[in-house]
C-alpha atoms as a PDB file:
ATOM      1  CA  MET A   1     -23.433 -37.889  28.117  1.00  0.00           C
ATOM      2  CA  ARG A   2     -19.799 -36.860  28.352  1.00  0.00           C
ATOM      3  CA  ASN A   3     -18.850 -33.340  27.320  1.00  0.00           C
ATOM      4  CA  ILE A   4     -15.414 -33.350  25.688  1.00  0.00           C
ATOM      5  CA  ARG A   5     -13.347 -30.212  25.291  1.00  0.00           C
ATOM      6  CA  LEU A   6     -10.733 -30.247  22.517  1.00  0.00           C
ATOM      7  CA  VAL A   7      -7.765 -27.978  21.849  1.00  0.00           C
ATOM      8  CA  ILE A   8      -6.997 -27.992  18.138  1.00  0.00           C
ATOM      9  CA  ALA A   9      -4.274 -26.629  15.873  1.00  0.00           C
ATOM     10  CA  TYR A  10      -4.695 -26.334  12.138  1.00  0.00           C
ATOM     11  CA  ASP A  11      -3.225 -24.961   8.954  1.00  0.00           C
ATOM     12  CA  GLY A  12      -6.219 -23.242   7.392  1.00  0.00           C
ATOM     13  CA  THR A  13      -4.756 -22.909   3.883  1.00  0.00           C
ATOM     14  CA  ASP A  14      -6.690 -25.751   2.294  1.00  0.00           C
ATOM     15  CA  PHE A  15      -9.939 -25.173   4.196  1.00  0.00           C
ATOM     16  CA  HIS A  16     -12.850 -22.823   3.628  1.00  0.00           C
ATOM     17  CA  GLY A  17     -12.755 -21.692   7.228  1.00  0.00           C
ATOM     18  CA  TRP A  18     -14.066 -23.326  10.394  1.00  0.00           C
ATOM     19  CA  GLN A  19     -17.770 -23.549   9.758  1.00  0.00           C
ATOM     20  CA  GLN A  20     -19.415 -26.435   7.922  1.00  0.00           C
ATOM     21  CA  GLN A  21     -20.377 -25.522   4.348  1.00  0.00           C
ATOM     22  CA  TRP A  22     -21.888 -27.554   1.573  1.00  0.00           C
ATOM     23  CA  GLY A  23     -19.421 -28.987  -0.930  1.00  0.00           C
ATOM     24  CA  VAL A  24     -16.187 -27.492   0.429  1.00  0.00           C
ATOM     25  CA  PRO A  25     -13.712 -28.716   3.086  1.00  0.00           C
ATOM     26  CA  THR A  26     -13.929 -27.042   6.504  1.00  0.00           C
ATOM     27  CA  ILE A  27     -12.325 -27.660   9.886  1.00  0.00           C
ATOM     28  CA  GLN A  28     -15.668 -28.425  11.530  1.00  0.00           C
ATOM     29  CA  ASP A  29     -16.446 -31.003   8.829  1.00  0.00           C
ATOM     30  CA  ALA A  30     -13.061 -32.671   9.245  1.00  0.00           C
ATOM     31  CA  LEU A  31     -13.459 -32.944  13.025  1.00  0.00           C
ATOM     32  CA  GLN A  32     -17.022 -34.238  12.896  1.00  0.00           C
ATOM     33  CA  ALA A  33     -16.088 -36.847  10.297  1.00  0.00           C
ATOM     34  CA  ALA A  34     -13.111 -37.979  12.387  1.00  0.00           C
ATOM     35  CA  ILE A  35     -15.225 -38.242  15.561  1.00  0.00           C
ATOM     36  CA  GLU A  36     -17.836 -40.299  13.707  1.00  0.00           C
ATOM     37  CA  LYS A  37     -15.140 -42.701  12.467  1.00  0.00           C
ATOM     38  CA  VAL A  38     -13.714 -43.124  15.947  1.00  0.00           C
ATOM     39  CA  THR A  39     -16.905 -43.228  18.029  1.00  0.00           C
ATOM     40  CA  GLY A  40     -19.558 -44.324  15.539  1.00  0.00           C
ATOM     41  CA  GLU A  41     -21.624 -41.279  16.556  1.00  0.00           C
ATOM     42  CA  ARG A  42     -22.677 -38.261  14.538  1.00  0.00           C
ATOM     43  CA  VAL A  43     -21.995 -35.248  16.715  1.00  0.00           C
ATOM     44  CA  ARG A  44     -22.024 -31.468  16.449  1.00  0.00           C
ATOM     45  CA  VAL A  45     -18.687 -29.883  17.266  1.00  0.00           C
ATOM     46  CA  TRP A  46     -18.946 -26.364  18.679  1.00  0.00           C
ATOM     47  CA  GLY A  47     -15.906 -24.148  18.226  1.00  0.00           C
ATOM     48  CA  SER A  48     -14.964 -21.037  20.159  1.00  0.00           C
ATOM     49  CA  GLY A  49     -15.875 -19.286  16.936  1.00  0.00           C
ATOM     50  CA  ARG A  50     -15.322 -19.142  13.210  1.00  0.00           C
ATOM     51  CA  THR A  51     -12.051 -18.591  11.472  1.00  0.00           C
ATOM     52  CA  ASP A  52     -12.184 -17.472   7.854  1.00  0.00           C
ATOM     53  CA  ALA A  53     -10.883 -19.358   4.836  1.00  0.00           C
ATOM     54  CA  GLY A  54      -7.099 -19.475   4.982  1.00  0.00           C
ATOM     55  CA  VAL A  55      -6.840 -18.413   8.646  1.00  0.00           C
ATOM     56  CA  HIS A  56      -4.913 -20.683  11.023  1.00  0.00           C
ATOM     57  CA  ALA A  57      -5.223 -21.673  14.667  1.00  0.00           C
ATOM     58  CA  LEU A  58      -2.652 -22.684  17.240  1.00  0.00           C
ATOM     59  CA  ASN A  59      -5.112 -23.277  20.090  1.00  0.00           C
ATOM     60  CA  GLN A  60      -8.681 -23.339  18.833  1.00  0.00           C
ATOM     61  CA  VAL A  61     -11.099 -24.700  21.452  1.00  0.00           C
ATOM     62  CA  ALA A  62     -14.132 -26.851  20.693  1.00  0.00           C
ATOM     63  CA  ASN A  63     -16.486 -29.215  22.495  1.00  0.00           C
ATOM     64  CA  PHE A  64     -18.854 -32.037  21.651  1.00  0.00           C
ATOM     65  CA  LYS A  65     -21.055 -34.454  23.574  1.00  0.00           C
ATOM     66  CA  THR A  66     -20.768 -38.199  23.303  1.00  0.00           C
ATOM     67  CA  ASP A  67     -21.708 -41.527  24.872  1.00  0.00           C
ATOM     68  CA  CYS A  68     -18.382 -43.015  23.784  1.00  0.00           C
ATOM     69  CA  PRO A  69     -16.338 -44.362  26.737  1.00  0.00           C
ATOM     70  CA  ILE A  70     -12.897 -43.977  25.065  1.00  0.00           C
ATOM     71  CA  PRO A  71     -10.494 -42.286  27.536  1.00  0.00           C
ATOM     72  CA  CYS A  72      -9.473 -38.788  26.501  1.00  0.00           C
ATOM     73  CA  GLU A  73      -5.803 -39.695  26.041  1.00  0.00           C
ATOM     74  CA  ASN A  74      -6.738 -42.459  23.612  1.00  0.00           C
ATOM     75  CA  LEU A  75      -9.282 -40.234  21.921  1.00  0.00           C
ATOM     76  CA  VAL A  76      -6.536 -37.760  20.983  1.00  0.00           C
ATOM     77  CA  LYS A  77      -4.488 -40.536  19.391  1.00  0.00           C
ATOM     78  CA  ALA A  78      -7.452 -42.012  17.544  1.00  0.00           C
ATOM     79  CA  LEU A  79      -8.648 -38.680  16.161  1.00  0.00           C
ATOM     80  CA  ASN A  80      -5.197 -37.667  14.961  1.00  0.00           C
ATOM     81  CA  HIS A  81      -4.882 -41.028  13.227  1.00  0.00           C
ATOM     82  CA  VAL A  82      -7.867 -40.260  10.971  1.00  0.00           C
ATOM     83  CA  LEU A  83      -7.670 -36.472  10.681  1.00  0.00           C
ATOM     84  CA  PRO A  84      -5.786 -34.858   7.772  1.00  0.00           C
ATOM     85  CA  PRO A  85      -2.213 -33.938   8.755  1.00  0.00           C
ATOM     86  CA  THR A  86      -3.072 -30.239   8.619  1.00  0.00           C
ATOM     87  CA  VAL A  87      -5.440 -30.635  11.592  1.00  0.00           C
ATOM     88  CA  ARG A  88      -4.207 -31.895  14.984  1.00  0.00           C
ATOM     89  CA  VAL A  89      -6.036 -32.423  18.252  1.00  0.00           C
ATOM     90  CA  LYS A  90      -3.549 -31.285  20.895  1.00  0.00           C
ATOM     91  CA  GLU A  91      -5.575 -32.338  23.931  1.00  0.00           C
ATOM     92  CA  ALA A  92      -8.962 -33.661  24.993  1.00  0.00           C
ATOM     93  CA  GLN A  93     -10.537 -33.249  28.411  1.00  0.00           C
ATOM     94  CA  GLU A  94     -13.851 -34.246  29.930  1.00  0.00           C
ATOM     95  CA  VAL A  95     -15.531 -31.120  31.297  1.00  0.00           C
ATOM     96  CA  SER A  96     -18.764 -30.062  32.955  1.00  0.00           C
ATOM     97  CA  GLU A  97     -21.887 -30.584  30.872  1.00  0.00           C
ATOM     98  CA  ARG A  98     -22.480 -26.828  31.142  1.00  0.00           C
ATOM     99  CA  PHE A  99     -19.262 -25.901  29.315  1.00  0.00           C
ATOM    100  CA  HIS A 100     -19.776 -24.445  25.848  1.00  0.00           C
ATOM    101  CA  ALA A 101     -16.757 -23.573  23.700  1.00  0.00           C
ATOM    102  CA  ARG A 102     -18.472 -20.601  22.102  1.00  0.00           C
ATOM    103  CA  TYR A 103     -20.695 -19.071  24.765  1.00  0.00           C
ATOM    104  CA  ASP A 104     -18.207 -19.269  27.644  1.00  0.00           C
ATOM    105  CA  VAL A 105     -15.333 -17.423  25.919  1.00  0.00           C
ATOM    106  CA  ARG A 106     -13.954 -14.455  27.877  1.00  0.00           C
ATOM    107  CA  ALA A 107     -11.042 -13.429  25.643  1.00  0.00           C
ATOM    108  CA  LYS A 108      -9.205 -14.363  22.472  1.00  0.00           C
ATOM    109  CA  THR A 109      -5.756 -13.516  21.193  1.00  0.00           C
ATOM    110  CA  TYR A 110      -4.796 -13.316  17.537  1.00  0.00           C
ATOM    111  CA  ARG A 111      -1.367 -12.970  15.947  1.00  0.00           C
ATOM    112  CA  TYR A 112      -0.670 -11.563  12.503  1.00  0.00           C
ATOM    113  CA  ARG A 113       2.758 -11.925  10.865  1.00  0.00           C
ATOM    114  CA  ILE A 114       4.195  -9.771   8.078  1.00  0.00           C
ATOM    115  CA  LEU A 115       7.439 -10.962   6.480  1.00  0.00           C
ATOM    116  CA  GLN A 116       9.625  -8.165   5.086  1.00  0.00           C
ATOM    117  CA  THR A 117      12.443 -10.128   3.475  1.00  0.00           C
ATOM    118  CA  PRO A 118      13.024  -9.602  -0.269  1.00  0.00           C
ATOM    119  CA  ILE A 119      12.175 -13.254  -0.946  1.00  0.00           C
ATOM    120  CA  CYS A 120       9.621 -15.373   0.923  1.00  0.00           C
ATOM    121  CA  SER A 121      10.730 -18.858   1.874  1.00  0.00           C
ATOM    122  CA  PRO A 122       8.528 -21.629   0.419  1.00  0.00           C
ATOM    123  CA  PHE A 123       8.277 -22.937   3.980  1.00  0.00           C
ATOM    124  CA  LEU A 124       6.707 -19.697   5.231  1.00  0.00           C
ATOM    125  CA  TRP A 125       4.365 -18.461   2.516  1.00  0.00           C
ATOM    126  CA  ARG A 126       1.332 -20.285   3.922  1.00  0.00           C
ATOM    127  CA  PHE A 127       1.665 -18.498   7.264  1.00  0.00           C
ATOM    128  CA  VAL A 128       2.732 -14.896   6.559  1.00  0.00           C
ATOM    129  CA  TRP A 129       1.866 -11.856   4.505  1.00  0.00           C
ATOM    130  CA  HIS A 130       4.963 -11.314   2.404  1.00  0.00           C
ATOM    131  CA  TYR A 131       5.398  -7.538   2.176  1.00  0.00           C
ATOM    132  CA  PRO A 132       8.927  -6.740   0.906  1.00  0.00           C
ATOM    133  CA  PHE A 133       8.411  -2.962   0.843  1.00  0.00           C
ATOM    134  CA  PRO A 134       9.550  -0.329   3.384  1.00  0.00           C
ATOM    135  CA  LEU A 135       7.334   0.305   6.412  1.00  0.00           C
ATOM    136  CA  SER A 136       7.859   2.740   9.286  1.00  0.00           C
ATOM    137  CA  HIS A 137       7.432   0.516  12.313  1.00  0.00           C
ATOM    138  CA  GLU A 138       7.387   3.165  15.048  1.00  0.00           C
ATOM    139  CA  PRO A 139       4.233   4.988  13.868  1.00  0.00           C
ATOM    140  CA  MET A 140       2.596   1.601  13.237  1.00  0.00           C
ATOM    141  CA  GLY A 141       3.256   0.665  16.863  1.00  0.00           C
ATOM    142  CA  GLU A 142       1.858   3.989  18.040  1.00  0.00           C
ATOM    143  CA  ALA A 143      -1.281   3.431  15.963  1.00  0.00           C
ATOM    144  CA  ALA A 144      -1.669  -0.107  17.271  1.00  0.00           C
ATOM    145  CA  ARG A 145      -1.822   1.129  20.877  1.00  0.00           C
ATOM    146  CA  LEU A 146      -4.747   3.424  20.005  1.00  0.00           C
ATOM    147  CA  ILE A 147      -6.839   0.320  19.255  1.00  0.00           C
ATOM    148  CA  GLU A 148      -6.816  -0.605  22.965  1.00  0.00           C
ATOM    149  CA  GLY A 149      -9.901   0.090  25.055  1.00  0.00           C
ATOM    150  CA  GLU A 150     -13.608  -0.174  24.367  1.00  0.00           C
ATOM    151  CA  HIS A 151     -14.662   1.120  20.952  1.00  0.00           C
ATOM    152  CA  ASP A 152     -17.269   0.749  18.268  1.00  0.00           C
ATOM    153  CA  PHE A 153     -15.339  -1.113  15.556  1.00  0.00           C
ATOM    154  CA  THR A 154     -17.778  -0.570  12.682  1.00  0.00           C
ATOM    155  CA  SER A 155     -14.965   1.049  10.660  1.00  0.00           C
ATOM    156  CA  PHE A 156     -12.932  -2.153  10.913  1.00  0.00           C
ATOM    157  CA  ALA A 157     -15.720  -4.671  10.280  1.00  0.00           C
ATOM    158  CA  ALA A 158     -16.478  -6.422   7.021  1.00  0.00           C
ATOM    159  CA  ALA A 159     -19.223  -4.639   5.115  1.00  0.00           C
ATOM    160  CA  GLN A 160     -22.797  -5.781   5.808  1.00  0.00           C
ATOM    161  CA  THR A 161     -21.958  -8.410   8.393  1.00  0.00           C
ATOM    162  CA  LYS A 162     -21.951  -8.657  12.167  1.00  0.00           C
ATOM    163  CA  GLU A 163     -20.110 -11.952  12.446  1.00  0.00           C
ATOM    164  CA  SER A 164     -16.829 -12.202  14.319  1.00  0.00           C
ATOM    165  CA  GLU A 165     -13.443 -13.164  12.914  1.00  0.00           C
ATOM    166  CA  ALA A 166     -13.872 -16.313  14.932  1.00  0.00           C
ATOM    167  CA  GLY A 167     -17.391 -15.586  16.055  1.00  0.00           C
ATOM    168  CA  SER A 168     -20.898 -16.912  15.815  1.00  0.00           C
ATOM    169  CA  GLN A 169     -21.610 -20.421  14.680  1.00  0.00           C
ATOM    170  CA  ASN A 170     -24.777 -18.986  13.088  1.00  0.00           C
ATOM    171  CA  SER A 171     -22.840 -17.489  10.218  1.00  0.00           C
ATOM    172  CA  GLU A 172     -25.615 -16.344   7.947  1.00  0.00           C
ATOM    173  CA  CYS A 173     -25.419 -12.631   7.214  1.00  0.00           C
ATOM    174  CA  ARG A 174     -28.558 -10.844   8.222  1.00  0.00           C
ATOM    175  CA  THR A 175     -29.499  -7.253   8.971  1.00  0.00           C
ATOM    176  CA  PRO A 176     -30.149  -6.763  12.689  1.00  0.00           C
ATOM    177  CA  ASN A 177     -32.055  -3.779  14.004  1.00  0.00           C
ATOM    178  CA  PRO A 178     -29.790  -0.708  14.324  1.00  0.00           C
ATOM    179  CA  GLN A 179     -29.898  -0.676  18.130  1.00  0.00           C
ATOM    180  CA  SER A 180     -28.844  -4.345  18.362  1.00  0.00           C
ATOM    181  CA  ARG A 181     -26.155  -3.901  15.736  1.00  0.00           C
ATOM    182  CA  GLY A 182     -24.705  -0.927  17.578  1.00  0.00           C
ATOM    183  CA  LYS A 183     -24.118  -2.981  20.711  1.00  0.00           C
ATOM    184  CA  GLU A 184     -22.581  -5.859  18.784  1.00  0.00           C
ATOM    185  CA  MET A 185     -20.056  -3.566  17.082  1.00  0.00           C
ATOM    186  CA  VAL A 186     -18.609  -2.488  20.440  1.00  0.00           C
ATOM    187  CA  LYS A 187     -15.641  -4.600  21.587  1.00  0.00           C
ATOM    188  CA  ARG A 188     -13.095  -4.239  24.371  1.00  0.00           C
ATOM    189  CA  ILE A 189      -9.476  -4.681  23.318  1.00  0.00           C
ATOM    190  CA  PHE A 190      -7.204  -5.557  26.228  1.00  0.00           C
ATOM    191  CA  SER A 191      -3.921  -5.440  24.337  1.00  0.00           C
ATOM    192  CA  SER A 192      -2.818  -4.300  20.876  1.00  0.00           C
ATOM    193  CA  ARG A 193       0.893  -4.278  20.139  1.00  0.00           C
ATOM    194  CA  LEU A 194       3.336  -4.474  17.263  1.00  0.00           C
ATOM    195  CA  LEU A 195       6.720  -6.188  17.552  1.00  0.00           C
ATOM    196  CA  TRP A 196       9.625  -6.021  15.096  1.00  0.00           C
ATOM    197  CA  ARG A 197      11.888  -9.070  15.019  1.00  0.00           C
ATOM    198  CA  PRO A 198      14.955  -7.965  13.048  1.00  0.00           C
ATOM    199  CA  ARG A 199      16.653 -11.381  13.002  1.00  0.00           C
ATOM    200  CA  THR A 200      13.824 -12.843  10.959  1.00  0.00           C
ATOM    201  CA  SER A 201      12.599  -9.580   9.364  1.00  0.00           C
ATOM    202  CA  MET A 202       9.165 -10.363  10.797  1.00  0.00           C
ATOM    203  CA  LEU A 203       6.643  -7.764  11.890  1.00  0.00           C
ATOM    204  CA  VAL A 204       4.292  -9.367  14.425  1.00  0.00           C
ATOM    205  CA  TYR A 205       0.991  -7.861  15.507  1.00  0.00           C
ATOM    206  CA  GLU A 206      -0.817  -9.324  18.530  1.00  0.00           C
ATOM    207  CA  ILE A 207      -4.269  -8.325  19.670  1.00  0.00           C
ATOM    208  CA  SER A 208      -6.346  -9.613  22.587  1.00  0.00           C
ATOM    209  CA  GLY A 209      -9.963  -8.747  23.284  1.00  0.00           C
ATOM    210  CA  ASN A 210     -13.363  -9.937  24.419  1.00  0.00           C
ATOM    211  CA  GLY A 211     -14.591 -10.344  20.851  1.00  0.00           C
ATOM    212  CA  PHE A 212     -13.832  -9.617  17.213  1.00  0.00           C
ATOM    213  CA  LEU A 213     -15.970  -8.651  14.244  1.00  0.00           C
ATOM    214  CA  HIS A 214     -15.749 -10.347  10.865  1.00  0.00           C
ATOM    215  CA  HIS A 215     -12.425  -9.343   9.221  1.00  0.00           C
ATOM    216  CA  MET A 216     -11.737  -6.954  12.102  1.00  0.00           C
ATOM    217  CA  VAL A 217      -8.161  -8.067  12.813  1.00  0.00           C
ATOM    218  CA  ARG A 218      -7.251  -8.185   9.136  1.00  0.00           C
ATOM    219  CA  ASN A 219      -8.754  -4.729   8.570  1.00  0.00           C
ATOM    220  CA  VAL A 220      -6.802  -3.345  11.520  1.00  0.00           C
ATOM    221  CA  VAL A 221      -3.596  -4.822  10.081  1.00  0.00           C
ATOM    222  CA  GLY A 222      -4.329  -3.383   6.656  1.00  0.00           C
ATOM    223  CA  THR A 223      -4.825   0.031   8.271  1.00  0.00           C
ATOM    224  CA  LEU A 224      -1.590  -0.255  10.264  1.00  0.00           C
ATOM    225  CA  VAL A 225       0.246  -0.967   7.018  1.00  0.00           C
ATOM    226  CA  GLU A 226      -1.219   2.229   5.565  1.00  0.00           C
ATOM    227  CA  VAL A 227       0.249   4.034   8.594  1.00  0.00           C
ATOM    228  CA  GLY A 228       3.589   2.340   7.934  1.00  0.00           C
ATOM    229  CA  ARG A 229       3.468   3.517   4.313  1.00  0.00           C
ATOM    230  CA  GLY A 230       2.834   7.085   5.420  1.00  0.00           C
ATOM    231  CA  LYS A 231      -0.656   7.161   3.892  1.00  0.00           C
ATOM    232  CA  LEU A 232      -2.214   7.606   7.344  1.00  0.00           C
ATOM    233  CA  ALA A 233      -0.941   9.132  10.596  1.00  0.00           C
ATOM    234  CA  PRO A 234      -1.164   7.196  13.875  1.00  0.00           C
ATOM    235  CA  GLN A 235      -3.730   9.698  15.199  1.00  0.00           C
ATOM    236  CA  ASP A 236      -6.011   8.862  12.265  1.00  0.00           C
ATOM    237  CA  ILE A 237      -6.948   5.642  14.097  1.00  0.00           C
ATOM    238  CA  THR A 238      -9.002   7.660  16.583  1.00  0.00           C
ATOM    239  CA  ARG A 239     -10.735   9.529  13.767  1.00  0.00           C
ATOM    240  CA  ILE A 240     -11.486   6.317  11.856  1.00  0.00           C
ATOM    241  CA  LEU A 241     -12.946   4.625  14.937  1.00  0.00           C
ATOM    242  CA  ALA A 242     -15.185   7.612  15.689  1.00  0.00           C
ATOM    243  CA  ALA A 243     -16.466   7.823  12.111  1.00  0.00           C
ATOM    244  CA  ARG A 244     -17.847   4.254  12.064  1.00  0.00           C
ATOM    245  CA  ASP A 245     -17.172   4.176   8.312  1.00  0.00           C
ATOM    246  CA  ARG A 246     -15.440   1.166   6.762  1.00  0.00           C
ATOM    247  CA  THR A 247     -14.313   3.192   3.737  1.00  0.00           C
ATOM    248  CA  LEU A 248     -11.962   5.263   5.908  1.00  0.00           C
ATOM    249  CA  ALA A 249      -9.892   2.302   7.137  1.00  0.00           C
ATOM    250  CA  GLY A 250      -7.246   0.419   5.192  1.00  0.00           C
ATOM    251  CA  PRO A 251      -7.636  -2.660   2.995  1.00  0.00           C
ATOM    252  CA  THR A 252      -8.199  -6.164   4.362  1.00  0.00           C
ATOM    253  CA  ALA A 253      -4.877  -7.917   4.953  1.00  0.00           C
ATOM    254  CA  PRO A 254      -4.472 -11.412   3.432  1.00  0.00           C
ATOM    255  CA  ALA A 255      -5.869 -14.320   5.450  1.00  0.00           C
ATOM    256  CA  GLN A 256      -2.711 -16.434   5.596  1.00  0.00           C
ATOM    257  CA  GLY A 257      -0.920 -14.118   8.021  1.00  0.00           C
ATOM    258  CA  LEU A 258      -3.561 -14.516  10.735  1.00  0.00           C
ATOM    259  CA  CYS A 259      -3.571 -17.131  13.501  1.00  0.00           C
ATOM    260  CA  LEU A 260      -5.803 -17.667  16.540  1.00  0.00           C
ATOM    261  CA  VAL A 261      -3.285 -18.295  19.294  1.00  0.00           C
ATOM    262  CA  LYS A 262      -5.272 -18.384  22.535  1.00  0.00           C
ATOM    263  CA  VAL A 263      -8.846 -18.680  23.831  1.00  0.00           C
ATOM    264  CA  GLU A 264      -9.553 -17.887  27.487  1.00  0.00           C
ATOM    265  CA  TYR A 265     -12.524 -18.968  29.636  1.00  0.00           C
END
């Protein structure tokens, strides 16, 4: 069988995340339905990981196996013809049968955008967190840099879950043994930076790492905003990480500001 790797972009607003769920629209469902229409085969599409309801992707990676002989260039055209306009296949490539979009991931990069204009454009609201209140950007940037390195991110994970922001396809929440859970909460962050773009009044946070816990990026952003409000000091990031206590970190930032921008293998 052929193993096809896809690069996909989507607006996650109208979807209940990546993973297939009963009775609600998901990205995985949309892709599998489109592939069945085009190839006549029912396939399982494996993504690099889950994205939550309302979260977007610029370059999500997925793969599926098929007997269909359609050339990859034509497959892109055919899939985009039947997919909803909020989901686009950017490229398709035949790869080694050993390639797996989830298990072979080495790094991911996410981008979160906060719009600080007094009024949010109707053409932007689906893709930003509109926050028209004052924030001190310099201490936020200082705090963001303290996220870099290898840490236990329990304080920034969703309560009672070990799933990644774009993580396991096996999404059921279950309680692992404490030793296993401890290892899974440790992630290495290669880059964590905050950029202010004055022309557009956009605060952009980018983070790259070898893995992310469920809600981790959004919880980091919510905590950075607390730093920007003066409710926390930049140095509090170190204390919050060490405590491994979700109640010490900031609130979860809204989903619509988050986008998966790159997956590396």
